[in-house]
Protein backbone atom coordinates (compact mmCIF):
# COMPACT_ATOMS: atom_id res chain seq x y z
CA MET A 1 73.27 -100.76 -70.74
CA LYS A 2 73.63 -97.12 -69.86
CA SER A 3 76.87 -95.96 -68.24
CA PHE A 4 77.51 -92.42 -67.02
CA ILE A 5 79.97 -90.63 -64.75
CA GLU A 6 79.11 -87.99 -62.17
CA GLY A 7 81.75 -85.82 -60.53
CA LYS A 8 85.15 -84.67 -61.72
CA GLY A 9 88.12 -86.87 -62.52
CA GLU A 10 88.60 -90.54 -63.28
CA PRO A 11 86.21 -92.73 -61.25
CA GLU A 12 87.64 -95.27 -58.85
CA VAL A 13 84.25 -96.70 -57.86
CA ALA A 14 81.22 -97.92 -59.80
CA VAL A 15 77.62 -98.49 -58.75
CA VAL A 16 75.62 -101.05 -60.76
CA TYR A 17 71.84 -101.37 -60.62
CA CYS A 18 69.08 -103.23 -62.48
CA THR A 19 71.27 -106.23 -63.26
CA HIS A 20 67.83 -107.82 -63.08
CA GLY A 21 65.22 -105.63 -64.72
CA ASP A 22 62.57 -106.24 -62.06
CA GLU A 23 64.86 -105.16 -59.19
CA THR A 24 64.44 -101.38 -59.09
CA ALA A 25 65.50 -100.44 -55.55
CA GLY A 26 69.04 -99.63 -56.69
CA LYS A 27 67.80 -97.38 -59.48
CA LYS A 28 65.55 -95.46 -57.09
CA ALA A 29 68.37 -95.15 -54.54
CA VAL A 30 70.77 -93.79 -57.17
CA GLU A 31 68.19 -91.27 -58.38
CA LYS A 32 67.59 -90.10 -54.82
CA LEU A 33 71.31 -89.80 -54.13
CA LEU A 34 72.01 -87.80 -57.27
CA GLU A 35 69.09 -85.50 -56.56
CA GLU A 36 70.52 -84.76 -53.11
CA GLU A 37 74.28 -85.04 -53.55
CA GLN A 38 75.15 -84.27 -57.18
CA PRO A 39 76.50 -80.74 -56.53
CA ASP A 40 78.64 -82.00 -53.62
CA LEU A 41 80.39 -85.03 -55.11
CA ARG A 42 84.04 -84.90 -54.03
CA LYS A 43 85.20 -87.56 -56.49
CA ALA A 44 83.93 -89.11 -59.69
CA VAL A 45 81.71 -92.19 -59.59
CA LYS A 46 80.57 -94.38 -62.47
CA PHE A 47 76.93 -95.48 -62.55
CA VAL A 48 75.89 -98.47 -64.67
CA PHE A 49 72.20 -99.00 -65.46
CA ALA A 50 72.78 -102.61 -66.45
CA ASN A 51 69.79 -104.36 -68.01
CA GLU A 52 67.84 -101.33 -69.22
CA LYS A 53 65.92 -103.36 -71.81
CA ALA A 54 64.63 -105.85 -69.21
CA PHE A 55 63.69 -102.94 -66.94
CA GLN A 56 61.68 -101.33 -69.74
CA GLN A 57 59.87 -104.64 -70.28
CA GLY A 58 59.25 -105.09 -66.55
CA GLU A 59 61.00 -108.45 -66.64
CA ARG A 60 63.91 -110.02 -64.75
CA TYR A 61 65.73 -110.60 -68.04
CA VAL A 62 65.11 -110.64 -71.78
CA ASP A 63 66.71 -113.93 -72.91
CA THR A 64 68.85 -115.31 -70.08
CA ASP A 65 69.63 -114.35 -66.48
CA LEU A 66 72.32 -111.66 -66.77
CA ASN A 67 73.89 -112.72 -63.49
CA ARG A 68 74.46 -116.21 -64.90
CA SER A 69 75.70 -115.00 -68.31
CA PHE A 70 79.25 -113.80 -67.60
CA PRO A 71 81.78 -113.49 -69.14
CA GLY A 72 79.36 -113.27 -72.06
CA SER A 73 80.02 -112.94 -75.76
CA ALA A 74 79.64 -110.02 -78.16
CA GLU A 75 78.60 -112.53 -80.85
CA SER A 76 75.86 -114.25 -78.84
CA ASN A 77 72.20 -114.30 -79.82
CA SER A 78 71.34 -113.70 -76.16
CA HIS A 79 70.79 -110.07 -75.17
CA GLU A 80 72.20 -110.74 -71.71
CA GLU A 81 75.33 -112.52 -72.95
CA ARG A 82 76.13 -109.58 -75.23
CA LEU A 83 75.42 -107.24 -72.33
CA ALA A 84 77.70 -109.26 -70.04
CA ALA A 85 80.56 -108.85 -72.51
CA ASP A 86 80.00 -105.08 -72.52
CA MET A 87 79.93 -104.96 -68.72
CA MET A 88 83.17 -106.93 -68.54
CA GLU A 89 84.87 -104.08 -70.39
CA GLU A 90 83.05 -101.36 -68.46
CA LEU A 91 83.87 -102.65 -64.96
CA GLN A 92 87.53 -103.61 -65.12
CA ASN A 93 89.94 -102.18 -62.52
CA ILE A 94 87.30 -100.35 -60.50
CA LYS A 95 85.57 -100.97 -57.15
CA VAL A 96 82.06 -102.27 -57.89
CA LEU A 97 78.93 -102.13 -55.72
CA ASP A 98 76.06 -103.98 -57.44
CA ILE A 99 72.62 -103.49 -55.85
CA HIS A 100 70.11 -106.38 -55.93
CA GLU A 101 66.76 -107.20 -54.31
CA THR A 102 65.67 -110.43 -52.64
CA SER A 103 62.58 -111.97 -51.07
CA THR A 104 64.68 -113.78 -48.46
CA SER A 105 65.46 -112.49 -44.99
CA PRO A 106 67.18 -111.11 -43.02
CA VAL A 107 68.43 -108.25 -45.15
CA PRO A 108 70.60 -106.46 -46.06
CA PHE A 109 73.63 -108.65 -46.67
CA ALA A 110 76.45 -108.86 -49.20
CA LEU A 111 77.81 -111.41 -51.67
CA PHE A 112 81.39 -111.54 -52.92
CA THR A 113 83.76 -113.95 -54.66
CA TRP A 114 87.19 -112.34 -54.58
CA SER A 115 89.11 -111.63 -51.36
CA ASP A 116 91.58 -109.06 -52.63
CA GLU A 117 92.17 -105.77 -50.84
CA GLU A 118 89.81 -103.70 -52.99
CA THR A 119 86.92 -106.16 -52.68
CA VAL A 120 87.23 -106.39 -48.91
CA ASP A 121 87.41 -102.60 -48.68
CA THR A 122 84.23 -102.35 -50.79
CA LEU A 123 82.57 -104.97 -48.60
CA ARG A 124 83.35 -103.14 -45.38
CA SER A 125 82.48 -99.75 -46.88
CA ALA A 126 78.87 -100.83 -47.51
CA GLY A 127 78.30 -101.36 -43.79
CA VAL A 128 76.62 -104.79 -43.88
CA ASP A 129 76.65 -107.16 -40.90
CA SER A 130 76.71 -110.39 -42.94
CA ALA A 131 78.60 -111.28 -46.12
CA VAL A 132 78.63 -114.47 -48.19
CA GLU A 133 81.57 -115.76 -50.24
CA ILE A 134 79.70 -117.30 -53.16
CA SER A 135 82.32 -118.29 -55.73
CA TYR A 136 80.58 -121.70 -55.69
CA THR A 137 78.09 -120.29 -58.20
CA SER A 138 79.15 -119.61 -61.79
CA GLY A 139 78.32 -116.91 -64.30
CA CYS A 140 77.99 -114.02 -61.84
CA GLY A 141 79.57 -110.71 -62.77
CA ILE A 142 81.49 -110.52 -59.51
CA ASN A 143 83.14 -113.85 -60.35
CA HIS A 144 84.84 -112.07 -63.26
CA TYR A 145 85.37 -108.39 -62.46
CA GLY A 146 85.26 -108.57 -58.67
CA GLY A 147 83.34 -106.25 -56.43
CA VAL A 148 80.41 -106.79 -54.10
CA GLU A 149 76.71 -107.48 -54.57
CA VAL A 150 74.37 -106.23 -51.86
CA GLU A 151 70.92 -107.72 -51.35
CA VAL A 152 68.10 -105.56 -50.00
CA GLY A 153 64.45 -106.35 -49.38
CA PRO A 154 61.73 -107.32 -49.25
CA LYS A 155 61.72 -107.12 -53.03
CA LYS A 156 59.57 -104.35 -54.54
CA SER A 157 59.13 -102.55 -51.20
CA GLU A 158 59.91 -99.06 -49.93
CA LYS A 159 61.97 -100.73 -47.22
CA ALA A 160 64.23 -102.19 -49.92
CA VAL A 161 64.72 -98.73 -51.45
CA ASN A 162 65.63 -97.26 -48.06
CA GLN A 163 68.13 -100.05 -47.42
CA ALA A 164 69.65 -99.58 -50.87
CA TYR A 165 70.00 -95.85 -50.30
CA LYS A 166 71.72 -96.33 -46.92
CA LEU A 167 74.17 -98.93 -48.29
CA LEU A 168 74.92 -96.72 -51.29
CA LYS A 169 75.41 -93.63 -49.14
CA ASP A 170 77.63 -95.46 -46.63
CA PHE A 171 79.73 -96.90 -49.45
CA LEU A 172 80.26 -93.52 -51.10
CA ILE A 173 81.01 -91.80 -47.79
CA ASN A 174 83.64 -94.41 -46.92
CA GLN A 175 85.12 -94.09 -50.41
CA GLY A 176 85.38 -90.31 -50.03
CA VAL A 177 82.88 -89.55 -52.80
CA VAL A 178 80.29 -87.73 -50.68
CA LYS A 179 80.43 -85.92 -47.35
CA GLY A 180 79.33 -87.59 -44.15
CA GLU A 181 80.38 -89.80 -41.28
CA THR A 182 79.88 -93.54 -41.06
CA ASP A 183 81.85 -96.55 -39.88
CA TYR A 184 83.41 -99.43 -41.75
CA SER A 185 81.70 -102.69 -40.75
CA SER A 186 83.28 -105.98 -39.72
CA PRO A 187 80.75 -108.43 -41.15
CA GLU A 188 80.34 -112.08 -40.29
CA ILE A 189 81.62 -114.10 -43.24
CA TYR A 190 79.94 -117.23 -44.62
CA LYS A 191 81.22 -119.45 -47.44
CA VAL A 192 78.78 -121.29 -49.72
CA TYR A 193 79.78 -124.85 -50.60
CA GLY A 194 76.61 -126.53 -51.86
CA THR A 195 72.84 -126.46 -52.38
CA VAL A 196 69.77 -128.24 -51.07
CA SER A 197 67.80 -129.65 -54.01
CA LYS A 198 64.05 -130.06 -54.34
CA LEU A 199 62.14 -132.02 -56.97
CA GLU A 200 58.94 -129.95 -56.86
CA GLU A 201 58.33 -126.25 -56.32
CA ASP A 202 55.79 -126.42 -53.48
CA TRP A 203 58.26 -126.90 -50.62
CA MET A 204 58.28 -124.04 -48.09
CA PRO A 205 61.59 -123.43 -46.24
CA VAL A 206 61.19 -123.23 -42.46
CA SER A 207 64.82 -122.70 -41.45
CA GLU A 208 66.13 -119.17 -40.92
CA ASN A 209 68.87 -117.80 -43.15
CA PHE A 210 72.22 -117.31 -41.37
CA GLU A 211 71.00 -119.49 -38.43
CA SER A 212 72.84 -122.82 -38.15
CA VAL A 213 70.86 -126.04 -38.54
CA ASP A 214 71.89 -129.47 -37.30
CA GLU A 215 71.68 -132.78 -39.10
CA GLY A 216 68.09 -134.02 -38.80
CA ASP A 217 66.51 -130.58 -38.34
CA VAL A 218 63.43 -129.86 -40.45
CA ILE A 219 64.38 -127.31 -43.13
CA ALA A 220 61.29 -127.37 -45.40
CA GLU A 221 57.69 -128.54 -45.25
CA ARG A 222 54.60 -129.15 -47.35
CA ASP A 223 51.31 -130.94 -46.71
CA SER A 224 52.71 -134.33 -47.69
CA GLY A 225 55.95 -134.28 -45.72
CA ARG A 226 59.18 -132.65 -44.60
CA ILE A 227 62.76 -132.23 -45.75
CA VAL A 228 65.41 -132.62 -43.05
CA ALA A 229 69.03 -131.50 -43.06
CA ASP A 230 71.47 -134.23 -44.10
CA GLU A 231 74.33 -132.50 -42.24
CA ASP A 232 75.12 -129.42 -40.15
CA PHE A 233 75.23 -126.19 -42.19
CA VAL A 234 74.17 -122.56 -42.35
CA PRO A 235 71.23 -121.83 -44.72
CA ILE A 236 71.81 -118.97 -47.16
CA LEU A 237 69.21 -117.52 -49.56
CA PHE A 238 66.63 -120.13 -48.55
CA SER A 239 63.29 -119.16 -50.09
CA ASP A 240 60.39 -120.50 -52.13
CA THR A 241 61.45 -118.57 -55.25
CA TYR A 242 63.88 -121.12 -56.76
CA SER A 243 62.50 -123.80 -59.07
CA ASN A 244 64.93 -126.61 -58.23
CA ILE A 245 66.70 -125.74 -54.97
CA LEU A 246 65.66 -124.56 -51.51
CA GLY A 247 68.81 -122.49 -51.20
CA PHE A 248 72.51 -122.74 -50.45
CA LYS A 249 74.59 -124.47 -47.78
CA ALA A 250 77.36 -122.48 -46.11
CA VAL A 251 79.84 -122.57 -43.26
CA ARG A 252 80.56 -119.65 -40.97
CA LEU A 253 84.06 -118.18 -41.14
CA GLU A 254 85.62 -115.41 -39.07
CA LYS A 255 84.63 -111.77 -39.09
CA VAL A 256 86.51 -109.37 -41.34
CA GLU A 257 88.32 -107.24 -38.77
CA THR A 258 90.78 -105.54 -41.12
CA SER A 259 90.52 -104.05 -44.59
CA PHE A 260 92.70 -106.73 -46.15
CA TYR A 261 93.30 -110.45 -46.33
CA SER A 262 95.08 -112.15 -49.18
CA GLN A 263 93.25 -113.42 -52.27
CA GLY A 264 92.42 -117.09 -52.08
CA GLU A 265 92.61 -117.29 -48.29
CA ASP A 266 89.84 -119.38 -46.69
């Protein structure tokens, strides 16, 4: 992990990138921003180059998925679990924007687990139209230190870099770190409550993410058959990249129209 601060004063916001070593859009966006904005930063911002070792190896992770390794342990044999413990200390009491890449669509969108004032402010500052409450999953950094993950894509594309740069710039403008004008968003909120399992890897999802499906709708196909929905739900992160699931089930909640709603509210 490499952590550094740009700008004067004590940082109130942090930008994390390369949580997964093969997701480089955030790194490129940060480099572009600092090249353009470094002399004009109005406030301090902390940047965290998370899994530098995996990035250098061109791999998603070294030993274990970092975003399933929190809270981690300084005594672990796993590189990522030791790294998670370090990040837990590094990212306490600060607004966190963590930039990821995905092969799913549509993008960009956000993921969050806490609903405190600072997290919702971070969420709206990034300017996304869709956001997913994903506390259903365990081991993610945002489950432990809060903040927001943003997903851009398609993975390994220039489009992903451009999306990452815009989200980063909007976030820092709304947080008063850099000059500019942009609006807070009021994203549609979805809450994950389950997954759709698959026994083999060759199923191809046919349902659209964030588009509701009804019980009985075809949600995945292969030459030998189909998988149909066993209930009404909203597909989230449906793709052919997971080994044992098609993706996540969610319900649609209300839009975030204000910068605050109390922690734990559904």
